[in-house]
Amino acid sequence: MVDKELLDILCCPETKQNVALLDEESVKAINKKIKDGELKNRGGEAVKDTVDGALLREDRKYFYPIREDIPIMLIDEAIEFTVHT
């Protein structure tokens, strides 16, 4: 997973808020929504690839996917985090 030292320096590229790793249960729920074709990223594209993890923005509005242990910290790749995740 993401190195602890890297996690300590990462922040949202848009708001500069801190980010934190999402729990495994939320990641499973996100991957189910991806498989069901229910998620779009901020760029408006359907999210097709499941995630290995996710970094949730401090305000809990968006998360950044982690794939192959690499956080994708691009604003257009952020995905809205819903309470129902």
PDB file of N, CA and C in Angstrom:
ATOM      1  N   MET A   1       0.839  -1.186   0.000  1.00  0.00           N
ATOM      2  CA  MET A   1       0.000   0.000   0.000  1.00  0.00           C
ATOM      3  C   MET A   1       0.884   1.250   0.000  1.00  0.00           C
ATOM      4  N   VAL A   2       0.288   2.388   0.154  1.00  0.00           N
ATOM      5  CA  VAL A   2       1.016   3.648   0.099  1.00  0.00           C
ATOM      6  C   VAL A   2       1.938   3.786   1.310  1.00  0.00           C
ATOM      7  N   ASP A   3       3.161   4.169   1.056  1.00  0.00           N
ATOM      8  CA  ASP A   3       4.153   4.372   2.102  1.00  0.00           C
ATOM      9  C   ASP A   3       3.683   5.446   3.077  1.00  0.00           C
ATOM     10  N   LYS A   4       3.881   5.200   4.366  1.00  0.00           N
ATOM     11  CA  LYS A   4       3.433   6.135   5.412  1.00  0.00           C
ATOM     12  C   LYS A   4       4.058   7.518   5.238  1.00  0.00           C
ATOM     13  N   GLU A   5       5.332   7.566   4.883  1.00  0.00           N
ATOM     14  CA  GLU A   5       5.990   8.868   4.692  1.00  0.00           C
ATOM     15  C   GLU A   5       5.388   9.625   3.512  1.00  0.00           C
ATOM     16  N   LEU A   6       5.041   8.907   2.452  1.00  0.00           N
ATOM     17  CA  LEU A   6       4.396   9.546   1.299  1.00  0.00           C
ATOM     18  C   LEU A   6       3.017  10.051   1.692  1.00  0.00           C
ATOM     19  N   LEU A   7       2.286   9.245   2.422  1.00  0.00           N
ATOM     20  CA  LEU A   7       0.949   9.635   2.859  1.00  0.00           C
ATOM     21  C   LEU A   7       0.987  10.906   3.695  1.00  0.00           C
ATOM     22  N   ASP A   8       2.014  11.050   4.505  1.00  0.00           N
ATOM     23  CA  ASP A   8       2.148  12.237   5.357  1.00  0.00           C
ATOM     24  C   ASP A   8       2.336  13.524   4.564  1.00  0.00           C
ATOM     25  N   ILE A   9       2.868  13.445   3.346  1.00  0.00           N
ATOM     26  CA  ILE A   9       3.110  14.678   2.574  1.00  0.00           C
ATOM     27  C   ILE A   9       2.084  14.896   1.471  1.00  0.00           C
ATOM     28  N   LEU A  10       1.248  13.885   1.180  1.00  0.00           N
ATOM     29  CA  LEU A  10       0.243  14.053   0.132  1.00  0.00           C
ATOM     30  C   LEU A  10      -0.889  14.949   0.603  1.00  0.00           C
ATOM     31  N   CYS A  11      -1.432  15.710  -0.332  1.00  0.00           N
ATOM     32  CA  CYS A  11      -2.605  16.520  -0.046  1.00  0.00           C
ATOM     33  C   CYS A  11      -3.418  16.648  -1.328  1.00  0.00           C
ATOM     34  N   CYS A  12      -4.639  17.098  -1.197  1.00  0.00           N
ATOM     35  CA  CYS A  12      -5.498  17.307  -2.355  1.00  0.00           C
ATOM     36  C   CYS A  12      -4.873  18.389  -3.237  1.00  0.00           C
ATOM     37  N   PRO A  13      -4.693  18.125  -4.536  1.00  0.00           N
ATOM     38  CA  PRO A  13      -4.086  19.133  -5.415  1.00  0.00           C
ATOM     39  C   PRO A  13      -4.984  20.346  -5.654  1.00  0.00           C
ATOM     40  N   GLU A  14      -6.266  20.198  -5.388  1.00  0.00           N
ATOM     41  CA  GLU A  14      -7.206  21.298  -5.599  1.00  0.00           C
ATOM     42  C   GLU A  14      -7.304  22.208  -4.377  1.00  0.00           C
ATOM     43  N   THR A  15      -7.546  21.596  -3.203  1.00  0.00           N
ATOM     44  CA  THR A  15      -7.822  22.390  -2.000  1.00  0.00           C
ATOM     45  C   THR A  15      -6.675  22.403  -0.996  1.00  0.00           C
ATOM     46  N   LYS A  16      -5.678  21.537  -1.218  1.00  0.00           N
ATOM     47  CA  LYS A  16      -4.534  21.370  -0.312  1.00  0.00           C
ATOM     48  C   LYS A  16      -4.928  20.760   1.033  1.00  0.00           C
ATOM     49  N   GLN A  17      -6.139  20.195   1.116  1.00  0.00           N
ATOM     50  CA  GLN A  17      -6.562  19.511   2.331  1.00  0.00           C
ATOM     51  C   GLN A  17      -5.774  18.210   2.489  1.00  0.00           C
ATOM     52  N   ASN A  18      -5.651  17.766   3.721  1.00  0.00           N
ATOM     53  CA  ASN A  18      -5.033  16.472   3.979  1.00  0.00           C
ATOM     54  C   ASN A  18      -5.899  15.369   3.398  1.00  0.00           C
ATOM     55  N   VAL A  19      -5.273  14.233   3.108  1.00  0.00           N
ATOM     56  CA  VAL A  19      -5.987  13.048   2.657  1.00  0.00           C
ATOM     57  C   VAL A  19      -5.633  11.886   3.579  1.00  0.00           C
ATOM     58  N   ALA A  20      -6.554  10.930   3.678  1.00  0.00           N
ATOM     59  CA  ALA A  20      -6.331   9.765   4.535  1.00  0.00           C
ATOM     60  C   ALA A  20      -6.794   8.517   3.799  1.00  0.00           C
ATOM     61  N   LEU A  21      -6.159   7.404   4.117  1.00  0.00           N
ATOM     62  CA  LEU A  21      -6.547   6.138   3.505  1.00  0.00           C
ATOM     63  C   LEU A  21      -7.960   5.752   3.903  1.00  0.00           C
ATOM     64  N   LEU A  22      -8.725   5.292   2.933  1.00  0.00           N
ATOM     65  CA  LEU A  22     -10.067   4.793   3.213  1.00  0.00           C
ATOM     66  C   LEU A  22      -9.977   3.370   3.752  1.00  0.00           C
ATOM     67  N   ASP A  23     -10.933   3.000   4.579  1.00  0.00           N
ATOM     68  CA  ASP A  23     -10.958   1.658   5.138  1.00  0.00           C
ATOM     69  C   ASP A  23     -11.319   0.632   4.055  1.00  0.00           C
ATOM     70  N   GLU A  24     -10.982  -0.613   4.326  1.00  0.00           N
ATOM     71  CA  GLU A  24     -11.177  -1.694   3.358  1.00  0.00           C
ATOM     72  C   GLU A  24     -12.638  -1.874   2.959  1.00  0.00           C
ATOM     73  N   GLU A  25     -13.541  -1.714   3.904  1.00  0.00           N
ATOM     74  CA  GLU A  25     -14.973  -1.878   3.628  1.00  0.00           C
ATOM     75  C   GLU A  25     -15.446  -0.842   2.609  1.00  0.00           C
ATOM     76  N   SER A  26     -15.002   0.391   2.747  1.00  0.00           N
ATOM     77  CA  SER A  26     -15.372   1.445   1.788  1.00  0.00           C
ATOM     78  C   SER A  26     -14.782   1.166   0.414  1.00  0.00           C
ATOM     79  N   VAL A  27     -13.551   0.667   0.374  1.00  0.00           N
ATOM     80  CA  VAL A  27     -12.911   0.342  -0.903  1.00  0.00           C
ATOM     81  C   VAL A  27     -13.688  -0.768  -1.610  1.00  0.00           C
ATOM     82  N   LYS A  28     -14.143  -1.758  -0.856  1.00  0.00           N
ATOM     83  CA  LYS A  28     -14.960  -2.826  -1.448  1.00  0.00           C
ATOM     84  C   LYS A  28     -16.251  -2.269  -2.034  1.00  0.00           C
ATOM     85  N   ALA A  29     -16.887  -1.362  -1.307  1.00  0.00           N
ATOM     86  CA  ALA A  29     -18.129  -0.752  -1.786  1.00  0.00           C
ATOM     87  C   ALA A  29     -17.873   0.079  -3.044  1.00  0.00           C
ATOM     88  N   ILE A  30     -16.763   0.797  -3.069  1.00  0.00           N
ATOM     89  CA  ILE A  30     -16.398   1.590  -4.251  1.00  0.00           C
ATOM     90  C   ILE A  30     -16.193   0.670  -5.449  1.00  0.00           C
ATOM     91  N   ASN A  31     -15.464  -0.417  -5.250  1.00  0.00           N
ATOM     92  CA  ASN A  31     -15.208  -1.337  -6.359  1.00  0.00           C
ATOM     93  C   ASN A  31     -16.494  -1.973  -6.881  1.00  0.00           C
ATOM     94  N   LYS A  32     -17.460  -2.219  -6.013  1.00  0.00           N
ATOM     95  CA  LYS A  32     -18.747  -2.739  -6.459  1.00  0.00           C
ATOM     96  C   LYS A  32     -19.437  -1.710  -7.349  1.00  0.00           C
ATOM     97  N   LYS A  33     -19.414  -0.441  -6.925  1.00  0.00           N
ATOM     98  CA  LYS A  33     -20.031   0.612  -7.734  1.00  0.00           C
ATOM     99  C   LYS A  33     -19.328   0.757  -9.084  1.00  0.00           C
ATOM    100  N   ILE A  34     -18.009   0.602  -9.101  1.00  0.00           N
ATOM    101  CA  ILE A  34     -17.262   0.676 -10.359  1.00  0.00           C
ATOM    102  C   ILE A  34     -17.696  -0.469 -11.273  1.00  0.00           C
ATOM    103  N   LYS A  35     -17.755  -1.671 -10.739  1.00  0.00           N
ATOM    104  CA  LYS A  35     -18.166  -2.832 -11.537  1.00  0.00           C
ATOM    105  C   LYS A  35     -19.589  -2.685 -12.057  1.00  0.00           C
ATOM    106  N   ASP A  36     -20.447  -2.028 -11.279  1.00  0.00           N
ATOM    107  CA  ASP A  36     -21.837  -1.814 -11.679  1.00  0.00           C
ATOM    108  C   ASP A  36     -21.998  -0.599 -12.603  1.00  0.00           C
ATOM    109  N   GLY A  37     -20.894   0.087 -12.903  1.00  0.00           N
ATOM    110  CA  GLY A  37     -20.930   1.239 -13.800  1.00  0.00           C
ATOM    111  C   GLY A  37     -21.576   2.477 -13.207  1.00  0.00           C
ATOM    112  N   GLU A  38     -21.517   2.620 -11.890  1.00  0.00           N
ATOM    113  CA  GLU A  38     -22.213   3.722 -11.206  1.00  0.00           C
ATOM    114  C   GLU A  38     -21.352   4.945 -10.920  1.00  0.00           C
ATOM    115  N   LEU A  39     -20.042   4.884 -11.163  1.00  0.00           N
ATOM    116  CA  LEU A  39     -19.185   6.011 -10.764  1.00  0.00           C
ATOM    117  C   LEU A  39     -18.577   6.722 -11.968  1.00  0.00           C
ATOM    118  N   LYS A  40     -18.523   8.043 -11.848  1.00  0.00           N
ATOM    119  CA  LYS A  40     -17.821   8.881 -12.825  1.00  0.00           C
ATOM    120  C   LYS A  40     -16.807   9.720 -12.068  1.00  0.00           C
ATOM    121  N   ASN A  41     -15.700  10.031 -12.740  1.00  0.00           N
ATOM    122  CA  ASN A  41     -14.713  10.897 -12.103  1.00  0.00           C
ATOM    123  C   ASN A  41     -15.080  12.355 -12.366  1.00  0.00           C
ATOM    124  N   ARG A  42     -14.323  13.268 -11.809  1.00  0.00           N
ATOM    125  CA  ARG A  42     -14.632  14.695 -11.961  1.00  0.00           C
ATOM    126  C   ARG A  42     -14.480  15.172 -13.386  1.00  0.00           C
ATOM    127  N   GLY A  43     -13.733  14.419 -14.190  1.00  0.00           N
ATOM    128  CA  GLY A  43     -13.611  14.741 -15.608  1.00  0.00           C
ATOM    129  C   GLY A  43     -14.828  14.305 -16.403  1.00  0.00           C
ATOM    130  N   GLY A  44     -15.780  13.635 -15.755  1.00  0.00           N
ATOM    131  CA  GLY A  44     -17.014  13.210 -16.396  1.00  0.00           C
ATOM    132  C   GLY A  44     -16.941  11.837 -17.060  1.00  0.00           C
ATOM    133  N   GLU A  45     -15.821  11.156 -16.913  1.00  0.00           N
ATOM    134  CA  GLU A  45     -15.660   9.844 -17.526  1.00  0.00           C
ATOM    135  C   GLU A  45     -16.079   8.738 -16.560  1.00  0.00           C
ATOM    136  N   ALA A  46     -16.689   7.687 -17.111  1.00  0.00           N
ATOM    137  CA  ALA A  46     -17.055   6.533 -16.300  1.00  0.00           C
ATOM    138  C   ALA A  46     -15.776   5.886 -15.773  1.00  0.00           C
ATOM    139  N   VAL A  47     -15.790   5.531 -14.503  1.00  0.00           N
ATOM    140  CA  VAL A  47     -14.639   4.846 -13.903  1.00  0.00           C
ATOM    141  C   VAL A  47     -14.777   3.365 -14.226  1.00  0.00           C
ATOM    142  N   LYS A  48     -13.797   2.820 -14.931  1.00  0.00           N
ATOM    143  CA  LYS A  48     -13.867   1.428 -15.381  1.00  0.00           C
ATOM    144  C   LYS A  48     -12.928   0.510 -14.617  1.00  0.00           C
ATOM    145  N   ASP A  49     -11.834   1.047 -14.097  1.00  0.00           N
ATOM    146  CA  ASP A  49     -10.841   0.228 -13.410  1.00  0.00           C
ATOM    147  C   ASP A  49     -11.053   0.276 -11.898  1.00  0.00           C
ATOM    148  N   THR A  50     -11.096  -0.899 -11.284  1.00  0.00           N
ATOM    149  CA  THR A  50     -11.245  -0.948  -9.830  1.00  0.00           C
ATOM    150  C   THR A  50     -10.009  -0.345  -9.162  1.00  0.00           C
ATOM    151  N   VAL A  51     -10.147  -0.068  -7.890  1.00  0.00           N
ATOM    152  CA  VAL A  51      -9.060   0.569  -7.137  1.00  0.00           C
ATOM    153  C   VAL A  51      -8.505  -0.400  -6.107  1.00  0.00           C
ATOM    154  N   ASP A  52      -7.226  -0.225  -5.795  1.00  0.00           N
ATOM    155  CA  ASP A  52      -6.586  -1.015  -4.746  1.00  0.00           C
ATOM    156  C   ASP A  52      -6.774  -0.348  -3.391  1.00  0.00           C
ATOM    157  N   GLY A  53      -7.058   0.933  -3.419  1.00  0.00           N
ATOM    158  CA  GLY A  53      -7.259   1.733  -2.227  1.00  0.00           C
ATOM    159  C   GLY A  53      -7.730   3.107  -2.654  1.00  0.00           C
ATOM    160  N   ALA A  54      -7.904   3.990  -1.685  1.00  0.00           N
ATOM    161  CA  ALA A  54      -8.360   5.336  -1.997  1.00  0.00           C
ATOM    162  C   ALA A  54      -7.919   6.294  -0.900  1.00  0.00           C
ATOM    163  N   LEU A  55      -7.651   7.528  -1.310  1.00  0.00           N
ATOM    164  CA  LEU A  55      -7.292   8.586  -0.373  1.00  0.00           C
ATOM    165  C   LEU A  55      -8.446   9.581  -0.316  1.00  0.00           C
ATOM    166  N   LEU A  56      -9.057   9.668   0.842  1.00  0.00           N
ATOM    167  CA  LEU A  56     -10.216  10.527   1.036  1.00  0.00           C
ATOM    168  C   LEU A  56      -9.779  11.914   1.483  1.00  0.00           C
ATOM    169  N   ARG A  57     -10.329  12.915   0.806  1.00  0.00           N
ATOM    170  CA  ARG A  57     -10.048  14.303   1.166  1.00  0.00           C
ATOM    171  C   ARG A  57     -10.642  14.606   2.544  1.00  0.00           C
ATOM    172  N   GLU A  58     -10.026  15.510   3.265  1.00  0.00           N
ATOM    173  CA  GLU A  58     -10.431  15.830   4.637  1.00  0.00           C
ATOM    174  C   GLU A  58     -11.910  16.215   4.761  1.00  0.00           C
ATOM    175  N   ASP A  59     -12.451  16.918   3.770  1.00  0.00           N
ATOM    176  CA  ASP A  59     -13.863  17.313   3.830  1.00  0.00           C
ATOM    177  C   ASP A  59     -14.804  16.181   3.421  1.00  0.00           C
ATOM    178  N   ARG A  60     -14.240  15.026   3.045  1.00  0.00           N
ATOM    179  CA  ARG A  60     -14.981  13.814   2.703  1.00  0.00           C
ATOM    180  C   ARG A  60     -15.863  13.967   1.464  1.00  0.00           C
ATOM    181  N   LYS A  61     -15.551  14.936   0.595  1.00  0.00           N
ATOM    182  CA  LYS A  61     -16.333  15.129  -0.627  1.00  0.00           C
ATOM    183  C   LYS A  61     -15.808  14.293  -1.791  1.00  0.00           C
ATOM    184  N   TYR A  62     -14.487  14.131  -1.879  1.00  0.00           N
ATOM    185  CA  TYR A  62     -13.877  13.403  -2.993  1.00  0.00           C
ATOM    186  C   TYR A  62     -12.778  12.491  -2.485  1.00  0.00           C
ATOM    187  N   PHE A  63     -12.530  11.446  -3.277  1.00  0.00           N
ATOM    188  CA  PHE A  63     -11.385  10.594  -2.988  1.00  0.00           C
ATOM    189  C   PHE A  63     -10.564  10.414  -4.260  1.00  0.00           C
ATOM    190  N   TYR A  64      -9.306  10.120  -4.046  1.00  0.00           N
ATOM    191  CA  TYR A  64      -8.369   9.864  -5.140  1.00  0.00           C
ATOM    192  C   TYR A  64      -8.055   8.382  -5.160  1.00  0.00           C
ATOM    193  N   PRO A  65      -8.187   7.749  -6.329  1.00  0.00           N
ATOM    194  CA  PRO A  65      -7.946   6.311  -6.400  1.00  0.00           C
ATOM    195  C   PRO A  65      -6.469   5.951  -6.252  1.00  0.00           C
ATOM    196  N   ILE A  66      -6.229   4.754  -5.744  1.00  0.00           N
ATOM    197  CA  ILE A  66      -4.885   4.192  -5.689  1.00  0.00           C
ATOM    198  C   ILE A  66      -4.926   2.931  -6.549  1.00  0.00           C
ATOM    199  N   ARG A  67      -4.035   2.881  -7.530  1.00  0.00           N
ATOM    200  CA  ARG A  67      -3.947   1.706  -8.401  1.00  0.00           C
ATOM    201  C   ARG A  67      -2.490   1.264  -8.470  1.00  0.00           C
ATOM    202  N   GLU A  68      -2.271  -0.026  -8.251  1.00  0.00           N
ATOM    203  CA  GLU A  68      -0.914  -0.584  -8.261  1.00  0.00           C
ATOM    204  C   GLU A  68       0.010   0.193  -7.316  1.00  0.00           C
ATOM    205  N   ASP A  69      -0.512   0.519  -6.149  1.00  0.00           N
ATOM    206  CA  ASP A  69       0.208   1.239  -5.089  1.00  0.00           C
ATOM    207  C   ASP A  69       0.589   2.669  -5.459  1.00  0.00           C
ATOM    208  N   ILE A  70      -0.032   3.221  -6.496  1.00  0.00           N
ATOM    209  CA  ILE A  70       0.263   4.599  -6.920  1.00  0.00           C
ATOM    210  C   ILE A  70      -0.989   5.456  -6.745  1.00  0.00           C
ATOM    211  N   PRO A  71      -0.923   6.476  -5.881  1.00  0.00           N
ATOM    212  CA  PRO A  71      -2.056   7.394  -5.742  1.00  0.00           C
ATOM    213  C   PRO A  71      -2.191   8.249  -7.008  1.00  0.00           C
ATOM    214  N   ILE A  72      -3.391   8.310  -7.544  1.00  0.00           N
ATOM    215  CA  ILE A  72      -3.664   9.121  -8.737  1.00  0.00           C
ATOM    216  C   ILE A  72      -4.196  10.468  -8.250  1.00  0.00           C
ATOM    217  N   MET A  73      -3.286  11.417  -8.068  1.00  0.00           N
ATOM    218  CA  MET A  73      -3.627  12.696  -7.444  1.00  0.00           C
ATOM    219  C   MET A  73      -3.881  13.785  -8.500  1.00  0.00           C
ATOM    220  N   LEU A  74      -4.787  13.493  -9.422  1.00  0.00           N
ATOM    221  CA  LEU A  74      -5.172  14.451 -10.455  1.00  0.00           C
ATOM    222  C   LEU A  74      -6.616  14.871 -10.188  1.00  0.00           C
ATOM    223  N   ILE A  75      -6.889  16.163 -10.271  1.00  0.00           N
ATOM    224  CA  ILE A  75      -8.225  16.672  -9.953  1.00  0.00           C
ATOM    225  C   ILE A  75      -9.299  15.983 -10.783  1.00  0.00           C
ATOM    226  N   ASP A  76      -9.078  15.809 -12.084  1.00  0.00           N
ATOM    227  CA  ASP A  76     -10.078  15.173 -12.948  1.00  0.00           C
ATOM    228  C   ASP A  76     -10.282  13.694 -12.643  1.00  0.00           C
ATOM    229  N   GLU A  77      -9.336  13.057 -11.953  1.00  0.00           N
ATOM    230  CA  GLU A  77      -9.458  11.639 -11.600  1.00  0.00           C
ATOM    231  C   GLU A  77     -10.139  11.435 -10.247  1.00  0.00           C
ATOM    232  N   ALA A  78     -10.356  12.522  -9.501  1.00  0.00           N
ATOM    233  CA  ALA A  78     -11.039  12.417  -8.207  1.00  0.00           C
ATOM    234  C   ALA A  78     -12.459  11.923  -8.436  1.00  0.00           C
ATOM    235  N   ILE A  79     -12.972  11.182  -7.458  1.00  0.00           N
ATOM    236  CA  ILE A  79     -14.305  10.616  -7.552  1.00  0.00           C
ATOM    237  C   ILE A  79     -15.104  11.084  -6.334  1.00  0.00           C
ATOM    238  N   GLU A  80     -16.343  11.500  -6.578  1.00  0.00           N
ATOM    239  CA  GLU A  80     -17.170  11.965  -5.474  1.00  0.00           C
ATOM    240  C   GLU A  80     -17.381  10.831  -4.470  1.00  0.00           C
ATOM    241  N   PHE A  81     -17.209  11.153  -3.194  1.00  0.00           N
ATOM    242  CA  PHE A  81     -17.421  10.174  -2.123  1.00  0.00           C
ATOM    243  C   PHE A  81     -18.802  10.405  -1.561  1.00  0.00           C
ATOM    244  N   THR A  82     -19.655   9.390  -1.687  1.00  0.00           N
ATOM    245  CA  THR A  82     -20.995   9.523  -1.149  1.00  0.00           C
ATOM    246  C   THR A  82     -21.096   8.779   0.169  1.00  0.00           C
ATOM    247  N   VAL A  83     -21.984   9.210   1.011  1.00  0.00           N
ATOM    248  CA  VAL A  83     -22.175   8.594   2.317  1.00  0.00           C
ATOM    249  C   VAL A  83     -22.609   7.133   2.140  1.00  0.00           C
ATOM    250  N   HIS A  84     -23.259   6.834   1.023  1.00  0.00           N
ATOM    251  CA  HIS A  84     -23.777   5.486   0.777  1.00  0.00           C
ATOM    252  C   HIS A  84     -22.710   4.535   0.265  1.00  0.00           C
ATOM    253  N   THR A  85     -21.456   4.987   0.162  1.00  0.00           N
ATOM    254  CA  THR A  85     -20.395   4.129  -0.324  1.00  0.00           C
ATOM    255  C   THR A  85     -20.267   3.009   0.626  1.00  0.00           C
TER     256      THR A  85
END
